[in-house]
Amino acid sequence: MPYDRNEDLPLPVQHALPMHAQDIYRAAFNNAWHQRVGTAAFDEAVLHRIAWAAVKRQYRKMGGIWIRRESTAA
């Protein structure tokens, strides 16, 4: 089920990620949900992996904490 607020995310996600990363996770999960619900490709575990992949594009884990990646854009 899509998440309305960051407070609705799984507790491990809430505890591990900073607020902005939680926003990214929620948006990616919800987008994947709406694209796949009712299809043969629907698998909630896959939706969570998609959400984590979206977070990892902008954040990296360093010493147990998630920090924002430096922009490589000029």
C-alpha atoms as a PDB file:
ATOM      1  CA  MET A   1       0.000   0.000   0.000  1.00  0.00           C
ATOM      2  CA  PRO A   2       1.353   3.467  -0.822  1.00  0.00           C
ATOM      3  CA  TYR A   3       2.630   5.617   2.025  1.00  0.00           C
ATOM      4  CA  ASP A   4       0.851   8.930   2.706  1.00  0.00           C
ATOM      5  CA  ARG A   5       3.487  10.312   5.080  1.00  0.00           C
ATOM      6  CA  ASN A   6       7.050   9.535   6.113  1.00  0.00           C
ATOM      7  CA  GLU A   7       5.665   8.514   9.500  1.00  0.00           C
ATOM      8  CA  ASP A   8       3.923   5.623   7.716  1.00  0.00           C
ATOM      9  CA  LEU A   9       7.187   4.207   6.324  1.00  0.00           C
ATOM     10  CA  PRO A  10       8.598   1.018   7.869  1.00  0.00           C
ATOM     11  CA  LEU A  11      10.388   1.808  11.142  1.00  0.00           C
ATOM     12  CA  PRO A  12      13.817   0.657   9.888  1.00  0.00           C
ATOM     13  CA  VAL A  13      13.541   3.180   7.038  1.00  0.00           C
ATOM     14  CA  GLN A  14      12.458   5.954   9.407  1.00  0.00           C
ATOM     15  CA  HIS A  15      15.288   5.249  11.834  1.00  0.00           C
ATOM     16  CA  ALA A  16      18.008   4.870   9.197  1.00  0.00           C
ATOM     17  CA  LEU A  17      17.333   7.694   6.765  1.00  0.00           C
ATOM     18  CA  PRO A  18      17.338  11.482   7.112  1.00  0.00           C
ATOM     19  CA  MET A  19      14.031  13.196   6.317  1.00  0.00           C
ATOM     20  CA  HIS A  20      14.912  14.131   2.721  1.00  0.00           C
ATOM     21  CA  ALA A  21      15.986  10.555   1.980  1.00  0.00           C
ATOM     22  CA  GLN A  22      12.689   9.354   3.462  1.00  0.00           C
ATOM     23  CA  ASP A  23      10.888  11.672   1.031  1.00  0.00           C
ATOM     24  CA  ILE A  24      12.805  10.095  -1.845  1.00  0.00           C
ATOM     25  CA  TYR A  25      12.075   6.575  -0.585  1.00  0.00           C
ATOM     26  CA  ARG A  26       8.350   7.284  -0.202  1.00  0.00           C
ATOM     27  CA  ALA A  27       8.034   8.938  -3.622  1.00  0.00           C
ATOM     28  CA  ALA A  28       9.887   6.110  -5.386  1.00  0.00           C
ATOM     29  CA  PHE A  29       7.897   3.407  -3.578  1.00  0.00           C
ATOM     30  CA  ASN A  30       4.568   5.105  -4.307  1.00  0.00           C
ATOM     31  CA  ASN A  31       5.452   5.675  -7.951  1.00  0.00           C
ATOM     32  CA  ALA A  32       6.474   2.036  -8.412  1.00  0.00           C
ATOM     33  CA  TRP A  33       3.296   0.926  -6.603  1.00  0.00           C
ATOM     34  CA  HIS A  34       1.034   2.917  -8.938  1.00  0.00           C
ATOM     35  CA  GLN A  35       2.886   1.646 -12.016  1.00  0.00           C
ATOM     36  CA  ARG A  36       2.788  -2.025 -11.016  1.00  0.00           C
ATOM     37  CA  VAL A  37      -0.344  -2.597  -8.927  1.00  0.00           C
ATOM     38  CA  GLY A  38      -2.624  -5.072 -10.670  1.00  0.00           C
ATOM     39  CA  THR A  39       0.100  -6.349 -12.995  1.00  0.00           C
ATOM     40  CA  ALA A  40       2.082  -9.574 -13.056  1.00  0.00           C
ATOM     41  CA  ALA A  41       5.163  -7.509 -12.126  1.00  0.00           C
ATOM     42  CA  PHE A  42       3.648  -6.527  -8.760  1.00  0.00           C
ATOM     43  CA  ASP A  43       5.797  -7.648  -5.823  1.00  0.00           C
ATOM     44  CA  GLU A  44       6.038  -5.438  -2.744  1.00  0.00           C
ATOM     45  CA  ALA A  45       9.603  -6.592  -2.012  1.00  0.00           C
ATOM     46  CA  VAL A  46      10.618  -5.309  -5.447  1.00  0.00           C
ATOM     47  CA  LEU A  47       8.963  -1.979  -4.694  1.00  0.00           C
ATOM     48  CA  HIS A  48      11.094  -1.609  -1.569  1.00  0.00           C
ATOM     49  CA  ARG A  49      14.243  -2.427  -3.568  1.00  0.00           C
ATOM     50  CA  ILE A  50      13.277   0.231  -6.122  1.00  0.00           C
ATOM     51  CA  ALA A  51      12.830   2.747  -3.297  1.00  0.00           C
ATOM     52  CA  TRP A  52      16.234   1.903  -1.784  1.00  0.00           C
ATOM     53  CA  ALA A  53      17.854   2.252  -5.224  1.00  0.00           C
ATOM     54  CA  ALA A  54      16.358   5.734  -5.556  1.00  0.00           C
ATOM     55  CA  VAL A  55      17.769   6.721  -2.166  1.00  0.00           C
ATOM     56  CA  LYS A  56      21.205   5.337  -3.053  1.00  0.00           C
ATOM     57  CA  ARG A  57      21.380   7.581  -6.136  1.00  0.00           C
ATOM     58  CA  GLN A  58      21.429  10.646  -3.872  1.00  0.00           C
ATOM     59  CA  TYR A  59      22.731   9.270  -0.561  1.00  0.00           C
ATOM     60  CA  ARG A  60      25.482   6.958   0.577  1.00  0.00           C
ATOM     61  CA  LYS A  61      26.024   5.189   3.844  1.00  0.00           C
ATOM     62  CA  MET A  62      29.160   6.294   5.654  1.00  0.00           C
ATOM     63  CA  GLY A  63      30.036   4.994   9.082  1.00  0.00           C
ATOM     64  CA  GLY A  64      26.494   3.876   9.775  1.00  0.00           C
ATOM     65  CA  ILE A  65      24.834   7.129   8.697  1.00  0.00           C
ATOM     66  CA  TRP A  66      23.306   8.090   5.380  1.00  0.00           C
ATOM     67  CA  ILE A  67      24.805  11.272   3.929  1.00  0.00           C
ATOM     68  CA  ARG A  68      23.927  13.157   0.783  1.00  0.00           C
ATOM     69  CA  ARG A  69      26.190  12.572  -2.183  1.00  0.00           C
ATOM     70  CA  GLU A  70      28.027  15.546  -3.596  1.00  0.00           C
ATOM     71  CA  SER A  71      26.590  16.754  -6.854  1.00  0.00           C
ATOM     72  CA  THR A  72      28.710  16.007  -9.905  1.00  0.00           C
ATOM     73  CA  ALA A  73      26.760  18.445 -12.078  1.00  0.00           C
ATOM     74  CA  ALA A  74      28.656  21.519 -13.238  1.00  0.00           C
END
